[in-house]
């Protein structure tokens, strides 16, 4: 398999979160129009039998279109030219070496990338992510829920906007304990 095809399959997994088995088995009948009028992947996770519902992002759609007329895909009636998991991971290792990447990259790295970098760091809830990944429980999804500095920064920006004026003064907000008033605290002059 040319490395370009493998790279495209890996990028597709980074933007859909599909595990190797679902990536390999993906076919036209797994693509449907969702409640929002856009294309979705609807399949069942081989490992758990749980449904996976993933709205297709533009990059993933473009990759599917790229392989519509690929000879191997047409012959096998699959959407992507996926090779065996062992060869897939070996070729990913080769790509990493060519690019000077020292981190071990496998087909599962793409799933982690989708979960953390694409979804959680951009505000997707753990519950929504769990459904997209086809997990049987949110506890399984929490493995992917590592807290990154990007996530901390985004959450704190929201908190600052909610609690403070641009000048730094504290806004009057209702606290969890009704007998305590936020405006009784005097913020230092900025």
Protein backbone atom coordinates (compact mmCIF):
# COMPACT_ATOMS: atom_id res chain seq x y z
CA UNK A 1 0.00 0.00 0.00
CA UNK A 2 1.41 3.38 -0.90
CA UNK A 3 2.07 5.47 2.20
CA UNK A 4 -0.23 8.23 0.93
CA UNK A 5 -3.25 5.91 1.09
CA UNK A 6 -2.29 4.79 4.59
CA UNK A 7 -1.82 8.39 5.69
CA UNK A 8 -5.32 9.23 4.41
CA UNK A 9 -6.84 6.29 6.30
CA UNK A 10 -5.04 7.39 9.47
CA UNK A 11 -6.23 10.99 9.08
CA UNK A 12 -9.77 9.70 8.47
CA UNK A 13 -9.59 7.84 11.79
CA UNK A 14 -8.27 11.01 13.49
CA UNK A 15 -11.40 12.85 12.38
CA UNK A 16 -13.94 10.07 13.05
CA UNK A 17 -12.53 8.13 16.00
CA UNK A 18 -13.16 4.81 14.30
CA UNK A 19 -11.11 1.91 15.63
CA UNK A 20 -9.19 -0.28 13.19
CA UNK A 21 -11.98 -2.90 12.85
CA UNK A 22 -14.63 -0.31 11.98
CA UNK A 23 -12.24 1.51 9.66
CA UNK A 24 -11.52 -1.71 7.77
CA UNK A 25 -15.19 -2.71 7.48
CA UNK A 26 -16.64 0.71 6.62
CA UNK A 27 -18.98 0.53 3.64
CA UNK A 28 -21.50 2.73 1.87
CA UNK A 29 -24.44 1.42 3.91
CA UNK A 30 -22.75 2.83 7.06
CA UNK A 31 -23.14 6.40 5.76
CA UNK A 32 -26.53 8.03 6.24
CA UNK A 33 -28.11 11.45 6.46
CA UNK A 34 -28.49 12.50 10.08
CA UNK A 35 -31.17 14.52 11.83
CA UNK A 36 -29.21 17.66 10.92
CA UNK A 37 -29.25 16.93 7.17
CA UNK A 38 -25.52 16.11 7.09
CA UNK A 39 -23.74 12.81 6.51
CA UNK A 40 -23.06 10.57 9.50
CA UNK A 41 -21.35 7.24 10.07
CA UNK A 42 -23.73 4.85 11.79
CA UNK A 43 -22.23 1.51 12.66
CA UNK A 44 -21.80 -0.84 15.59
CA UNK A 45 -18.51 -1.22 17.38
CA UNK A 46 -17.15 -4.73 16.74
CA UNK A 47 -15.65 -4.92 20.24
CA UNK A 48 -18.79 -3.95 22.19
CA UNK A 49 -21.73 -4.13 19.78
CA UNK A 50 -22.60 -0.59 20.91
CA UNK A 51 -23.75 1.90 18.29
CA UNK A 52 -21.33 4.48 16.94
CA UNK A 53 -22.91 7.65 15.58
CA UNK A 54 -20.34 10.04 14.15
CA UNK A 55 -21.17 13.15 12.12
CA UNK A 56 -18.71 13.35 9.22
CA UNK A 57 -16.40 16.33 9.33
CA UNK A 58 -15.37 17.82 5.94
CA UNK A 59 -11.90 16.20 5.95
CA UNK A 60 -13.39 12.74 6.51
CA UNK A 61 -15.96 13.32 3.72
CA UNK A 62 -13.20 14.40 1.34
CA UNK A 63 -11.19 11.26 2.09
CA UNK A 64 -14.19 9.03 1.36
CA UNK A 65 -14.70 10.85 -1.95
CA UNK A 66 -11.00 10.43 -2.81
CA UNK A 67 -11.35 6.63 -2.65
CA UNK A 68 -14.75 6.23 -4.37
CA UNK A 69 -13.06 5.07 -7.58
CA UNK A 70 -10.08 3.30 -5.97
CA UNK A 71 -9.79 -0.18 -7.51
CA UNK A 72 -9.29 -2.01 -4.20
CA UNK A 73 -12.18 -0.20 -2.55
CA UNK A 74 -14.54 -0.86 -5.46
CA UNK A 75 -13.53 -4.54 -5.60
CA UNK A 76 -13.99 -5.08 -1.84
CA UNK A 77 -17.05 -2.79 -1.64
CA UNK A 78 -15.40 -0.78 1.14
CA UNK A 79 -14.99 2.97 1.51
CA UNK A 80 -11.30 2.94 2.48
CA UNK A 81 -8.27 0.95 1.28
CA UNK A 82 -7.34 -0.46 4.70
CA UNK A 83 -4.66 -3.14 4.98
CA UNK A 84 -4.08 -5.59 7.85
CA UNK A 85 -3.64 -4.00 11.26
CA UNK A 86 -0.08 -5.35 11.52
CA UNK A 87 0.94 -3.82 8.17
CA UNK A 88 -0.99 -0.65 8.96
CA UNK A 89 0.96 -0.15 12.20
CA UNK A 90 4.29 -1.09 10.56
CA UNK A 91 3.74 1.49 7.83
CA UNK A 92 2.72 4.11 10.41
CA UNK A 93 6.03 3.44 12.15
CA UNK A 94 7.82 4.01 8.82
CA UNK A 95 5.96 7.28 8.28
CA UNK A 96 6.87 8.42 11.80
CA UNK A 97 10.55 7.68 11.12
CA UNK A 98 10.46 9.58 7.82
CA UNK A 99 8.88 12.55 9.60
CA UNK A 100 11.27 12.40 12.57
CA UNK A 101 8.51 11.55 15.04
CA UNK A 102 9.83 9.60 18.01
CA UNK A 103 6.40 8.80 19.52
CA UNK A 104 5.02 5.34 18.76
CA UNK A 105 2.11 5.79 16.35
CA UNK A 106 -0.46 3.05 15.81
CA UNK A 107 -3.94 2.86 14.35
CA UNK A 108 -5.25 3.41 17.89
CA UNK A 109 -3.34 6.71 18.14
CA UNK A 110 -5.87 8.14 15.69
CA UNK A 111 -8.74 7.20 18.02
CA UNK A 112 -7.02 8.97 20.91
CA UNK A 113 -6.39 12.01 18.71
CA UNK A 114 -10.08 12.20 17.83
CA UNK A 115 -11.12 11.84 21.45
CA UNK A 116 -8.73 14.38 22.96
CA UNK A 117 -7.53 16.86 20.35
CA UNK A 118 -10.55 16.94 18.06
CA UNK A 119 -13.41 16.49 20.54
CA UNK A 120 -12.65 17.10 24.21
CA UNK A 121 -10.28 20.03 23.61
CA UNK A 122 -13.01 21.64 21.51
CA UNK A 123 -15.87 21.36 23.96
CA UNK A 124 -17.53 18.04 23.05
CA UNK A 125 -18.94 16.50 26.22
CA UNK A 126 -17.69 13.16 27.50
CA UNK A 127 -21.24 11.77 27.11
CA UNK A 128 -21.39 12.71 23.44
CA UNK A 129 -17.87 11.40 22.85
CA UNK A 130 -18.79 8.11 24.52
CA UNK A 131 -21.63 7.58 22.04
CA UNK A 132 -19.47 8.51 19.05
CA UNK A 133 -16.75 6.07 20.15
CA UNK A 134 -19.28 3.26 20.69
CA UNK A 135 -18.34 2.73 24.32
CA UNK A 136 -20.58 0.65 26.53
CA UNK A 137 -20.12 3.10 29.43
CA UNK A 138 -18.77 6.58 30.09
CA UNK A 139 -16.20 5.05 32.46
CA UNK A 140 -14.45 3.57 29.42
CA UNK A 141 -14.48 6.95 27.68
CA UNK A 142 -12.89 8.63 30.70
CA UNK A 143 -9.62 6.93 29.76
CA UNK A 144 -9.50 9.33 26.81
CA UNK A 145 -10.50 12.25 29.00
CA UNK A 146 -7.03 13.31 29.98
CA UNK A 147 -7.00 16.93 30.95
CA UNK A 148 -4.78 18.93 28.66
CA UNK A 149 -3.53 22.46 29.17
CA UNK A 150 -5.66 23.50 26.19
CA UNK A 151 -8.77 22.18 27.95
CA UNK A 152 -7.83 23.87 31.24
CA UNK A 153 -7.24 27.17 29.44
CA UNK A 154 -10.56 27.00 27.57
CA UNK A 155 -12.51 26.19 30.74
CA UNK A 156 -10.83 28.99 32.70
CA UNK A 157 -11.55 31.50 29.92
CA UNK A 158 -15.24 30.61 30.20
CA UNK A 159 -15.09 30.96 33.98
CA UNK A 160 -13.31 34.32 33.82
CA UNK A 161 -15.88 35.63 31.34
CA UNK A 162 -18.71 34.49 33.59
CA UNK A 163 -17.27 35.83 36.86
CA UNK A 164 -15.27 38.93 35.93
CA UNK A 165 -15.62 42.11 33.94
CA UNK A 166 -12.95 42.93 31.36
CA UNK A 167 -11.50 45.37 33.90
CA UNK A 168 -10.94 42.52 36.35
CA UNK A 169 -13.72 43.43 38.75
CA UNK A 170 -15.92 40.63 40.08
CA UNK A 171 -19.45 40.46 38.69
CA UNK A 172 -22.38 39.98 41.02
CA UNK A 173 -23.22 36.31 40.58
CA UNK A 174 -25.47 33.91 42.42
CA UNK A 175 -23.38 31.37 44.29
CA UNK A 176 -24.35 27.82 45.17
CA UNK A 177 -25.11 28.92 48.74
CA UNK A 178 -27.96 31.40 48.47
CA UNK A 179 -27.11 33.10 51.77
CA UNK A 180 -23.76 34.19 50.32
CA UNK A 181 -23.75 37.04 47.85
CA UNK A 182 -20.87 37.34 45.41
CA UNK A 183 -21.14 41.12 45.47
CA UNK A 184 -20.26 41.19 49.18
CA UNK A 185 -16.69 40.48 48.16
CA UNK A 186 -14.85 43.58 47.13
CA UNK A 187 -12.40 42.86 44.35
CA UNK A 188 -9.15 44.78 44.52
CA UNK A 189 -8.88 47.80 42.26
CA UNK A 190 -7.25 46.92 39.00
